[in-house]
Amino acid sequence: MKSIDGEIALVTGGGGGLGRLLSLRLANLGAIVIVWDINETGIEETVKLVRAAGGTCYGYVCDLCDRADIYKKAKIIQEEIGKVTILINNAGVVTGMKLLDTPDKLITRTMDVNVMSHFWTVKAFLPIMLESNKGHIVSVASLAGQCGVPKLVDYCTSKYAAMGFDEALRMELEYEGYKINTTVVCPYFIRSTGMFESVKSRYVSTLSPNAVADRIITAMRCNEKYAIIPGYLQILLSLKWIFPWACVSMLIGGLVKEISSSDEDDKSFAVPNETVAEKESAISSSKDAAIHQQLARRISSSERKP
């Protein structure tokens, strides 16, 4: 495994959940960690935990739905901290609703956070990696980017796109002769992160966030191109291209019994302390207004959390 001691690593969505666990592990391995999130309180807690463990960590409030904010914060980081050599695009959001019940703005938001932000973060930090011909870009996708799942139409679409982004970027870098590594990670549903607590899974247990964080770090340090978590599901995924669609549909339906909206969904990024996956039966106007207010919020660079 390669050493990341002294590397500058940026983790999006690091204000909680999987992003926080990744930040702690990176710091434990000697990396200087930078956390991006829109949740100020979450950022402060992550920075506090990393520093309490003896690591170096900086936090910035950044709205991944805002391309200009991404570029602005990237410039500040380069001026104040240094050159980012490890970029982990971890931030993600989910609605958990049927397509026709999902408000347009939430679909747009899912695409902005789950895939469009990858374009902007890579465009912001890749040029510096190219100068030294060194760096690693990790895309946290999902097994939902390998197969369609009911009530996750927008989420599956965004994760399919994230996988395509990683593969095409890797091919482009290799074709041009650069030694920049990329890794795409596709975990099954992760529990205890506030995103998939309502998932009722058959046969395959939802994953421990600690186990997923460990696997992501290992995949990065071993320069793996592609990591399915758990690994044995790769065999089942291959059946998708062999068996008739009716069988595939039954298989997917057998794995995931139900996905329902939850008031706990997605607290870790982009809309702190507000419900993202509103109840299917009714989306109250007050919640709608609160979400709009949070999405419209733009945080200035002065809100850096040292």
Protein backbone atom coordinates (compact mmCIF):
# COMPACT_ATOMS: atom_id res chain seq x y z
CA MET A 1 0.00 0.00 0.00
CA LYS A 2 1.20 3.48 -0.77
CA SER A 3 1.88 6.00 1.97
CA ILE A 4 -0.24 9.14 2.15
CA ASP A 5 1.76 10.75 4.93
CA GLY A 6 1.99 14.49 4.31
CA GLU A 7 -0.51 14.44 1.44
CA ILE A 8 -3.27 17.05 1.38
CA ALA A 9 -6.63 15.28 1.13
CA LEU A 10 -9.98 16.95 0.53
CA VAL A 11 -13.20 15.14 1.48
CA THR A 12 -16.56 16.49 0.31
CA GLY A 13 -19.50 15.84 2.60
CA GLY A 14 -17.07 15.46 5.49
CA GLY A 15 -19.35 17.04 8.07
CA GLY A 16 -20.74 13.68 9.14
CA GLY A 17 -21.40 10.07 8.24
CA LEU A 18 -19.00 8.31 5.90
CA GLY A 19 -17.12 11.54 5.13
CA ARG A 20 -16.24 12.03 8.78
CA LEU A 21 -14.99 8.45 9.08
CA LEU A 22 -12.86 8.87 5.97
CA SER A 23 -11.42 12.10 7.35
CA LEU A 24 -10.41 10.41 10.60
CA ARG A 25 -8.71 7.57 8.74
CA LEU A 26 -6.86 9.87 6.37
CA ALA A 27 -5.56 11.93 9.28
CA ASN A 28 -4.53 8.79 11.14
CA LEU A 29 -2.37 7.89 8.14
CA GLY A 30 -0.64 11.26 8.26
CA ALA A 31 -2.60 13.20 5.66
CA ILE A 32 -3.55 16.84 6.09
CA VAL A 33 -7.33 16.74 5.83
CA ILE A 34 -9.65 19.38 4.41
CA VAL A 35 -13.37 18.95 4.96
CA TRP A 36 -16.05 20.48 2.75
CA ASP A 37 -19.69 20.50 3.76
CA ILE A 38 -22.60 22.92 3.99
CA ASN A 39 -23.29 21.90 7.57
CA GLU A 40 -21.25 24.24 9.76
CA THR A 41 -21.89 22.31 12.94
CA GLY A 42 -20.88 19.08 11.25
CA ILE A 43 -17.65 20.62 9.98
CA GLU A 44 -16.74 21.88 13.42
CA GLU A 45 -17.36 18.46 14.95
CA THR A 46 -15.25 16.66 12.34
CA VAL A 47 -12.38 19.11 12.74
CA LYS A 48 -12.60 18.74 16.51
CA LEU A 49 -12.55 14.93 16.34
CA VAL A 50 -9.64 14.78 13.91
CA ARG A 51 -7.56 17.21 15.95
CA ALA A 52 -8.41 15.40 19.18
CA ALA A 53 -7.00 12.26 17.56
CA GLY A 54 -3.77 14.10 16.80
CA GLY A 55 -4.47 14.88 13.15
CA THR A 56 -4.41 18.06 11.10
CA CYS A 57 -7.77 19.17 9.74
CA TYR A 58 -9.33 22.29 8.24
CA GLY A 59 -12.98 22.87 7.44
CA TYR A 60 -14.69 25.04 4.87
CA VAL A 61 -18.36 25.63 4.32
CA CYS A 62 -18.98 24.92 0.63
CA ASP A 63 -22.20 24.51 -1.31
CA LEU A 64 -21.65 21.80 -3.92
CA CYS A 65 -24.76 22.97 -5.76
CA ASP A 66 -22.88 26.19 -6.52
CA ARG A 67 -20.08 25.87 -9.07
CA ALA A 68 -18.78 29.35 -8.30
CA ASP A 69 -18.51 28.54 -4.60
CA ILE A 70 -16.56 25.37 -5.39
CA TYR A 71 -14.05 27.27 -7.51
CA LYS A 72 -13.81 30.04 -4.93
CA LYS A 73 -13.11 27.69 -2.02
CA ALA A 74 -10.64 25.68 -4.12
CA LYS A 75 -8.64 28.84 -4.78
CA ILE A 76 -8.66 29.75 -1.08
CA ILE A 77 -7.40 26.28 -0.15
CA GLN A 78 -4.54 26.44 -2.64
CA GLU A 79 -3.51 29.83 -1.27
CA GLU A 80 -3.89 29.06 2.44
CA ILE A 81 -3.03 25.36 2.75
CA GLY A 82 -1.38 24.03 -0.39
CA LYS A 83 -1.83 21.64 -3.28
CA VAL A 84 -4.53 19.01 -2.90
CA THR A 85 -3.20 15.62 -4.02
CA ILE A 86 -6.09 13.44 -2.86
CA LEU A 87 -9.66 14.35 -3.77
CA ILE A 88 -12.50 12.23 -2.39
CA ASN A 89 -15.88 13.12 -3.88
CA ASN A 90 -17.96 11.56 -1.13
CA ALA A 91 -20.91 13.95 -0.71
CA GLY A 92 -24.27 12.54 -1.68
CA VAL A 93 -27.99 13.15 -1.25
CA VAL A 94 -31.05 10.95 -1.71
CA THR A 95 -34.79 11.62 -1.90
CA GLY A 96 -36.22 8.07 -1.78
CA MET A 97 -39.40 8.98 -3.66
CA LYS A 98 -41.19 7.87 -6.80
CA LEU A 99 -40.12 9.92 -9.80
CA LEU A 100 -43.47 11.63 -10.33
CA ASP A 101 -43.67 12.52 -6.63
CA THR A 102 -40.21 14.09 -6.54
CA PRO A 103 -40.13 17.91 -6.79
CA ASP A 104 -38.07 19.15 -9.73
CA LYS A 105 -35.73 21.11 -7.51
CA LEU A 106 -34.82 17.97 -5.55
CA ILE A 107 -34.01 16.10 -8.76
CA THR A 108 -31.78 18.99 -9.81
CA ARG A 109 -30.16 19.00 -6.41
CA THR A 110 -29.48 15.26 -6.51
CA MET A 111 -27.72 15.64 -9.85
CA ASP A 112 -25.80 18.73 -8.69
CA VAL A 113 -24.43 17.12 -5.53
CA ASN A 114 -24.02 13.52 -6.67
CA VAL A 115 -22.41 14.07 -10.06
CA MET A 116 -22.10 17.66 -11.33
CA SER A 117 -19.97 18.60 -8.32
CA HIS A 118 -17.46 15.93 -9.46
CA PHE A 119 -16.92 17.91 -12.65
CA TRP A 120 -16.31 21.15 -10.78
CA THR A 121 -14.06 19.74 -8.04
CA VAL A 122 -11.94 17.86 -10.56
CA LYS A 123 -11.65 20.90 -12.81
CA ALA A 124 -10.59 22.89 -9.75
CA PHE A 125 -7.90 20.51 -8.46
CA LEU A 126 -6.77 18.36 -11.39
CA PRO A 127 -4.59 21.05 -13.04
CA ILE A 128 -2.34 21.13 -9.97
CA MET A 129 -2.13 17.33 -9.94
CA LEU A 130 -1.12 17.37 -13.60
CA GLU A 131 1.72 19.79 -12.91
CA SER A 132 3.39 17.28 -10.59
CA ASN A 133 1.94 14.22 -12.37
CA LYS A 134 0.75 13.00 -8.99
CA GLY A 135 -2.64 12.63 -7.37
CA HIS A 136 -5.61 10.42 -6.66
CA ILE A 137 -9.30 11.08 -7.31
CA VAL A 138 -11.85 8.89 -5.53
CA SER A 139 -15.51 8.86 -6.55
CA VAL A 140 -17.92 7.38 -4.03
CA ALA A 141 -20.70 6.01 -6.22
CA SER A 142 -23.08 3.19 -5.27
CA LEU A 143 -24.34 -0.23 -6.28
CA ALA A 144 -27.39 1.81 -7.27
CA GLY A 145 -25.15 3.00 -10.09
CA GLN A 146 -25.04 -0.59 -11.35
CA CYS A 147 -28.75 -1.39 -11.38
CA GLY A 148 -32.03 0.47 -11.20
CA VAL A 149 -33.96 0.54 -7.93
CA PRO A 150 -37.58 1.70 -7.45
CA LYS A 151 -37.96 5.06 -5.68
CA LEU A 152 -34.33 5.87 -6.50
CA VAL A 153 -34.65 6.97 -10.12
CA ASP A 154 -32.81 10.26 -9.62
CA TYR A 155 -30.26 8.70 -7.25
CA CYS A 156 -29.51 5.75 -9.55
CA THR A 157 -29.15 8.10 -12.51
CA SER A 158 -26.67 10.27 -10.65
CA LYS A 159 -24.59 7.28 -9.53
CA TYR A 160 -24.53 5.75 -13.02
CA ALA A 161 -23.23 9.12 -14.19
CA ALA A 162 -20.59 9.24 -11.44
CA MET A 163 -19.30 5.85 -12.58
CA GLY A 164 -19.15 7.00 -16.19
CA PHE A 165 -17.35 10.15 -15.13
CA ASP A 166 -14.66 8.18 -13.31
CA GLU A 167 -14.10 5.70 -16.13
CA ALA A 168 -13.92 8.30 -18.88
CA LEU A 169 -11.63 10.54 -16.82
CA ARG A 170 -9.30 7.61 -16.09
CA MET A 171 -9.13 6.72 -19.78
CA GLU A 172 -8.44 10.32 -20.72
CA LEU A 173 -5.60 10.64 -18.20
CA GLU A 174 -4.06 7.31 -19.23
CA TYR A 175 -4.30 8.20 -22.91
CA GLU A 176 -2.41 11.44 -22.26
CA GLY A 177 0.28 9.61 -20.30
CA TYR A 178 -0.45 10.96 -16.82
CA LYS A 179 -0.01 8.90 -13.66
CA ILE A 180 -3.00 10.32 -11.82
CA ASN A 181 -4.96 7.50 -10.19
CA THR A 182 -8.73 7.28 -9.98
CA THR A 183 -10.91 4.92 -7.96
CA VAL A 184 -14.67 4.49 -8.09
CA VAL A 185 -16.31 2.84 -5.09
CA CYS A 186 -19.73 1.18 -5.27
CA PRO A 187 -21.05 0.19 -1.84
CA TYR A 188 -24.38 -1.41 -1.06
CA PHE A 189 -26.70 0.61 1.18
CA ILE A 190 -24.87 1.95 4.24
CA ARG A 191 -26.61 2.13 7.61
CA SER A 192 -26.24 4.75 10.34
CA THR A 193 -25.47 7.63 7.99
CA GLY A 194 -28.96 9.13 7.93
CA MET A 195 -29.48 8.34 4.23
CA PHE A 196 -30.73 4.76 4.02
CA GLU A 197 -32.19 4.07 7.44
CA SER A 198 -35.57 3.26 5.88
CA VAL A 199 -34.21 0.62 3.48
CA LYS A 200 -35.56 -2.85 4.17
CA SER A 201 -32.99 -5.22 2.72
CA ARG A 202 -33.37 -8.97 2.28
CA TYR A 203 -30.51 -11.47 2.23
CA VAL A 204 -27.78 -8.79 2.08
CA SER A 205 -27.33 -6.76 5.26
CA THR A 206 -26.86 -3.02 5.04
CA LEU A 207 -23.22 -2.10 5.51
CA SER A 208 -21.34 -0.75 8.50
CA PRO A 209 -20.02 2.74 7.68
CA ASN A 210 -16.75 1.90 9.43
CA ALA A 211 -16.24 -1.15 7.23
CA VAL A 212 -16.99 0.89 4.11
CA ALA A 213 -14.58 3.64 5.18
CA ASP A 214 -11.83 1.06 5.74
CA ARG A 215 -12.46 -0.49 2.33
CA ILE A 216 -12.36 2.88 0.56
CA ILE A 217 -9.04 3.80 2.14
CA THR A 218 -7.60 0.39 1.23
CA ALA A 219 -8.82 0.71 -2.37
CA MET A 220 -7.20 4.12 -2.66
CA ARG A 221 -3.89 3.08 -1.12
CA CYS A 222 -3.73 0.01 -3.38
CA ASN A 223 -4.60 2.09 -6.47
CA GLU A 224 -7.63 -0.07 -7.21
CA LYS A 225 -9.66 1.21 -10.13
CA TYR A 226 -12.97 -0.22 -9.04
CA ALA A 227 -14.30 -1.48 -5.71
CA ILE A 228 -17.64 -3.23 -5.11
CA ILE A 229 -18.68 -3.43 -1.45
CA PRO A 230 -19.27 -6.19 -0.49
CA GLY A 231 -17.11 -7.82 -3.14
CA TYR A 232 -19.23 -10.93 -3.64
CA LEU A 233 -22.06 -8.84 -5.10
CA GLN A 234 -19.95 -8.38 -8.22
CA ILE A 235 -20.91 -11.95 -9.13
CA LEU A 236 -24.60 -11.11 -8.83
CA LEU A 237 -24.15 -7.96 -10.90
CA SER A 238 -22.65 -9.98 -13.73
CA LEU A 239 -25.90 -11.96 -13.91
CA LYS A 240 -27.66 -8.78 -15.02
CA TRP A 241 -26.13 -9.20 -18.47
CA ILE A 242 -26.76 -12.94 -18.70
CA PHE A 243 -30.29 -13.59 -17.45
CA PRO A 244 -33.57 -12.33 -18.97
CA TRP A 245 -34.79 -9.03 -17.62
CA ALA A 246 -37.70 -10.67 -15.77
CA CYS A 247 -35.18 -12.64 -13.71
CA VAL A 248 -33.05 -9.56 -13.07
CA SER A 249 -36.09 -7.62 -11.87
CA MET A 250 -37.01 -10.43 -9.48
CA LEU A 251 -33.44 -10.56 -8.18
CA ILE A 252 -33.30 -6.83 -7.46
CA GLY A 253 -36.75 -6.94 -5.90
CA GLY A 254 -35.59 -9.80 -3.73
CA LEU A 255 -32.61 -7.86 -2.42
CA VAL A 256 -34.42 -4.61 -1.64
CA LYS A 257 -37.86 -5.13 -0.13
CA GLU A 258 -38.73 -1.49 0.39
CA ILE A 259 -37.32 2.01 0.23
CA SER A 260 -39.45 4.68 1.84
CA SER A 261 -38.97 8.35 2.48
CA SER A 262 -37.53 9.21 5.87
CA ASP A 263 -37.31 12.41 7.86
CA GLU A 264 -33.80 11.33 8.80
CA ASP A 265 -32.54 11.14 5.21
CA ASP A 266 -29.49 13.14 4.27
CA LYS A 267 -28.71 15.27 7.28
CA SER A 268 -25.00 15.24 6.52
CA PHE A 269 -24.88 17.42 3.46
CA ALA A 270 -26.48 20.37 1.71
CA VAL A 271 -29.57 20.86 3.88
CA PRO A 272 -28.52 20.61 7.52
CA ASN A 273 -31.23 19.95 10.08
CA GLU A 274 -33.95 19.93 7.41
CA THR A 275 -35.87 17.06 5.84
CA VAL A 276 -34.79 16.20 2.30
CA ALA A 277 -36.95 13.17 1.62
CA GLU A 278 -40.39 14.51 2.39
CA LYS A 279 -43.23 12.08 3.01
CA GLU A 280 -44.75 10.80 -0.24
CA SER A 281 -48.26 11.51 0.92
CA ALA A 282 -47.72 15.24 1.48
CA ILE A 283 -44.92 17.74 1.14
CA SER A 284 -45.74 20.60 3.41
CA SER A 285 -45.24 24.13 2.18
CA SER A 286 -43.27 25.01 5.29
CA LYS A 287 -40.69 22.30 4.62
CA ASP A 288 -40.58 23.32 0.98
CA ALA A 289 -39.80 26.87 1.96
CA ALA A 290 -37.15 25.75 4.44
CA ILE A 291 -35.39 23.63 1.84
CA HIS A 292 -35.48 26.48 -0.66
CA GLN A 293 -34.03 28.85 1.90
CA GLN A 294 -31.19 26.46 2.72
CA LEU A 295 -30.38 25.81 -0.94
CA ALA A 296 -30.33 29.53 -1.65
CA ARG A 297 -27.85 30.18 1.13
CA ARG A 298 -24.39 31.13 0.00
CA ILE A 299 -21.60 31.10 2.55
CA SER A 300 -18.74 33.57 2.21
CA SER A 301 -15.11 32.56 2.46
CA SER A 302 -14.91 34.25 5.83
CA GLU A 303 -16.83 31.33 7.28
CA ARG A 304 -13.86 29.03 7.15
CA LYS A 305 -13.68 26.83 10.22
CA PRO A 306 -10.00 26.63 11.26
